[in-house]
Structure formats: C-alpha cells, structure tokens
Protein backbone atom coordinates (compact mmCIF):
# COMPACT_ATOMS: atom_id res chain seq x y z
CA LEU A 1 -12.94 13.92 -18.27
CA LEU A 2 -10.29 11.19 -17.97
CA ALA A 3 -12.82 8.59 -19.06
CA LEU A 4 -13.82 10.79 -22.07
CA THR A 5 -9.97 11.23 -23.12
CA ALA A 6 -9.42 7.44 -22.71
CA PHE A 7 -12.52 6.76 -24.86
CA ILE A 8 -11.36 9.31 -27.60
CA CYS A 9 -7.77 7.63 -27.48
CA ILE A 10 -9.22 4.21 -28.05
CA GLU A 11 -11.55 5.35 -30.82
CA THR A 12 -8.50 6.69 -32.84
CA ILE A 13 -6.93 3.18 -33.19
CA MET A 14 -7.49 2.03 -36.72
CA GLU A 15 -6.03 -1.53 -36.62
CA CYS A 16 -5.85 -4.19 -34.04
CA SER A 17 -4.91 -7.86 -34.14
CA PRO A 18 -6.43 -9.21 -30.97
CA CYS A 19 -9.36 -6.75 -30.69
CA GLU A 20 -10.99 -8.12 -27.66
CA GLY A 21 -8.88 -5.99 -25.03
CA LEU A 22 -9.64 -2.81 -27.23
CA TYR A 23 -13.33 -3.52 -27.35
CA PHE A 24 -13.46 -4.25 -23.57
CA PHE A 25 -11.69 -1.02 -22.80
CA GLU A 26 -13.86 0.87 -25.25
CA PHE A 27 -16.96 -0.53 -23.46
CA VAL A 28 -15.74 0.28 -19.94
CA SER A 29 -14.67 3.88 -20.74
CA CYS A 30 -17.97 4.52 -22.71
CA SER A 31 -20.17 2.97 -19.95
CA ALA A 32 -18.48 4.74 -17.11
CA LEU A 33 -18.66 8.00 -19.10
CA VAL A 34 -22.39 7.66 -19.75
CA VAL A 35 -23.40 6.47 -16.18
CA THR A 36 -21.27 9.10 -14.52
CA GLY A 37 -22.52 11.74 -16.66
CA ALA A 38 -26.17 10.84 -16.06
CA LEU A 39 -25.48 10.97 -12.35
CA LEU A 40 -23.61 14.16 -12.53
CA LEU A 41 -26.53 15.69 -14.38
CA LEU A 42 -29.06 14.24 -11.70
CA PHE A 43 -26.95 15.78 -8.97
CA SER A 44 -26.27 19.11 -10.66
CA LEU A 45 -29.91 19.82 -11.52
CA ASN A 46 -30.95 18.62 -7.98
CA LEU A 47 -33.23 16.03 -9.60
CA HIS A 48 -32.15 13.43 -7.06
CA ILE A 49 -34.21 15.33 -4.39
CA ARG A 50 -37.43 14.51 -6.35
CA ILE A 51 -36.70 10.76 -6.00
CA PRO A 52 -36.15 10.12 -2.27
CA GLN A 53 -36.88 6.37 -2.63
CA ILE A 54 -33.39 5.82 -4.06
CA ASN A 55 -30.43 5.83 -1.80
CA TRP A 56 -28.23 8.20 -3.93
CA ASN A 57 -25.18 7.90 -1.64
CA LEU A 58 -25.27 4.16 -2.26
CA THR A 59 -25.86 4.53 -5.93
CA ASP A 60 -22.88 6.97 -6.18
CA LEU A 61 -20.72 4.36 -4.20
CA VAL A 62 -21.73 1.48 -6.36
CA ASN A 63 -21.02 3.50 -9.62
CA THR A 64 -17.60 4.68 -8.63
CA GLY A 65 -16.53 1.24 -7.18
CA LEU A 66 -17.60 -0.61 -10.27
CA SER A 67 -15.88 1.95 -12.49
CA THR A 68 -12.62 1.66 -10.53
CA PHE A 69 -12.76 -2.09 -10.74
CA PHE A 70 -13.62 -2.27 -14.41
CA PHE A 71 -11.19 0.59 -15.40
CA PHE A 72 -8.30 -1.39 -13.58
CA ILE A 73 -9.16 -4.68 -15.37
CA ALA A 74 -9.50 -3.02 -18.76
CA SER A 75 -6.37 -0.90 -18.45
CA VAL A 76 -4.32 -4.07 -17.56
CA VAL A 77 -5.74 -5.97 -20.28
CA LEU A 78 -5.12 -3.28 -22.91
CA ALA A 79 -1.66 -2.78 -21.44
CA ALA A 80 -0.87 -6.57 -21.86
CA LEU A 81 -2.20 -6.73 -25.45
CA ASN A 82 -1.33 -3.50 -26.99
CA HIS A 83 0.93 -2.95 -30.00
CA LYS A 84 2.80 -0.08 -28.46
CA THR A 85 1.11 2.48 -30.61
CA GLY A 86 0.72 6.08 -29.30
CA ALA A 87 -2.94 5.87 -29.09
CA GLU A 88 -2.95 2.60 -27.26
CA ILE A 89 -0.36 3.91 -24.68
CA ALA A 90 -2.26 6.98 -24.17
CA ALA A 91 -5.54 5.16 -23.53
CA VAL A 92 -3.74 2.85 -21.02
CA VAL A 93 -2.30 5.94 -19.30
CA PHE A 94 -5.67 7.69 -19.26
CA GLY A 95 -7.37 4.48 -18.15
CA PHE A 96 -5.11 4.09 -15.13
CA LEU A 97 -5.55 7.77 -14.33
CA ALA A 98 -9.35 7.50 -14.54
CA MET A 99 -9.16 4.44 -12.31
CA ALA A 100 -7.18 6.39 -9.74
CA VAL A 101 -9.63 9.23 -9.76
CA TYR A 102 -12.60 6.75 -9.51
CA ALA A 103 -10.79 5.04 -6.67
CA VAL A 104 -10.45 8.37 -4.73
CA ASN A 105 -14.07 9.08 -5.38
CA THR A 106 -14.97 5.62 -4.12
CA PHE A 107 -13.22 6.26 -0.89
CA LEU A 108 -15.11 9.65 -0.43
CA ALA A 109 -18.44 7.89 -1.32
CA VAL A 110 -17.79 5.30 1.31
CA LYS A 111 -17.30 7.94 3.98
CA LYS A 112 -20.20 9.84 2.87
CA TRP A 113 -22.43 6.68 2.79
CA ARG A 114 -21.28 5.67 6.21
CA VAL A 115 -22.23 9.12 7.74
CA SER A 116 -25.61 9.11 6.08
CA SER A 117 -26.34 5.55 7.23
CA ARG A 118 -25.40 6.40 10.81
CA GLN A 119 -27.66 9.47 10.71
CA GLN A 120 -30.49 7.51 9.34
CA SER A 121 -30.19 4.76 11.88
CA SER A 122 -29.99 7.23 14.78
CA ARG A 123 -32.99 9.01 13.39
CA GLN A 124 -35.06 5.84 13.24
CA SER A 125 -34.07 4.92 16.86
CA SER A 126 -35.03 8.40 18.10
CA ASP A 127 -38.23 8.24 16.26
CA TYR A 128 -38.95 4.82 17.87
CA ILE A 129 -38.09 6.16 21.49
CA ARG A 130 -40.32 9.26 20.90
CA ALA A 131 -43.25 7.00 19.73
CA ARG A 132 -42.89 4.82 22.67
CA THR A 133 -42.70 7.80 24.98
CA GLU A 134 -45.81 9.43 23.64
CA SER A 135 -47.83 6.28 23.66
CA ARG A 136 -47.22 6.03 27.32
CA GLU A 137 -48.29 9.54 28.22
CA VAL A 138 -51.96 9.59 29.35
CA VAL A 139 -54.02 12.50 28.28
CA HIS A 140 -56.71 13.38 30.97
CA ARG A 141 -59.82 14.34 29.18
CA PRO A 142 -62.64 15.33 31.56
CA GLU A 143 -65.33 14.79 28.81
CA ILE A 144 -64.72 11.00 28.93
CA GLN A 145 -66.12 9.42 32.01
CA ARG A 146 -65.01 6.34 33.62
CA LEU A 147 -67.41 3.35 33.26
CA ASP A 148 -66.76 1.92 36.74
CA ALA A 149 -67.43 5.08 38.64
C-alpha cells in the first residue's frame, strides 16, 4: 500500500526540471508494486505449491531485499532533487516508509529462509543416512540358492 501511495504521489507531479530522479522513483515504486502484488497473489491463492521447483522463500527474500535497496536509493535521489512541492515531499515520505516496511519484511524473509534451508539440509542428510543403512541390510530369501553350496 505504501508503494502504491508513493506511486500515486509521484504521478500527480505535473512539472519537473531535472526529471531523472522523478522517473527513477516512478520506476522503482511501480516495479515494486507489480512484483510484490504478483507474489502476493501467488501466495494468497496457494499457487506457489503447484510449482515446487522454485525456492519461494528465496524469491521473496530477493524481492524484498532489492525493493528495500532501490526504494532507499530512489527516495534519497528524489529528496535531493525535489522542488519542495507537496506531492514530491509526500512521495519521498511514503518512499522511505515503504523502504522501512520492505526492510522489516527482508529481515523476516531472511529468518524464514534460514529455517527452511536448515530443515532441507537436515532432511537431505537423514535421507542419505537412511539410504546407506537400508543398503547394508541383507534380506534373507530362501528362494535364492547360493552358487558355492
């Protein structure tokens, strides 16, 4: 919602002299809104379960990390180059708020990714141990005769 609000604020600006900062902020806010919205839709409808080949925890971590970084850069650039109009100031404020929320989400995504990677590695090692143990067990079948007997 903060990315959407920042995008709406930046779209209300009618004039700009150096427009590069404004265009970059517009790109960052729109991109973050679209990608996060698509991931939210995937997670809300449980469509991510149907595609187990993708590490969704890592995907969420990368999205929130990049959004945090780019919102920070875009907000700093827009704050440095703004003309102190109400829409630009509001966009900068909402940009920094969106960056803070994305940073908190990045922290939570890192914790979730670490837990899931630990569980996956322990599951793989226990599967390996189970397979080695099962391969050593000898099944005695009387229907098979020994050749040297």
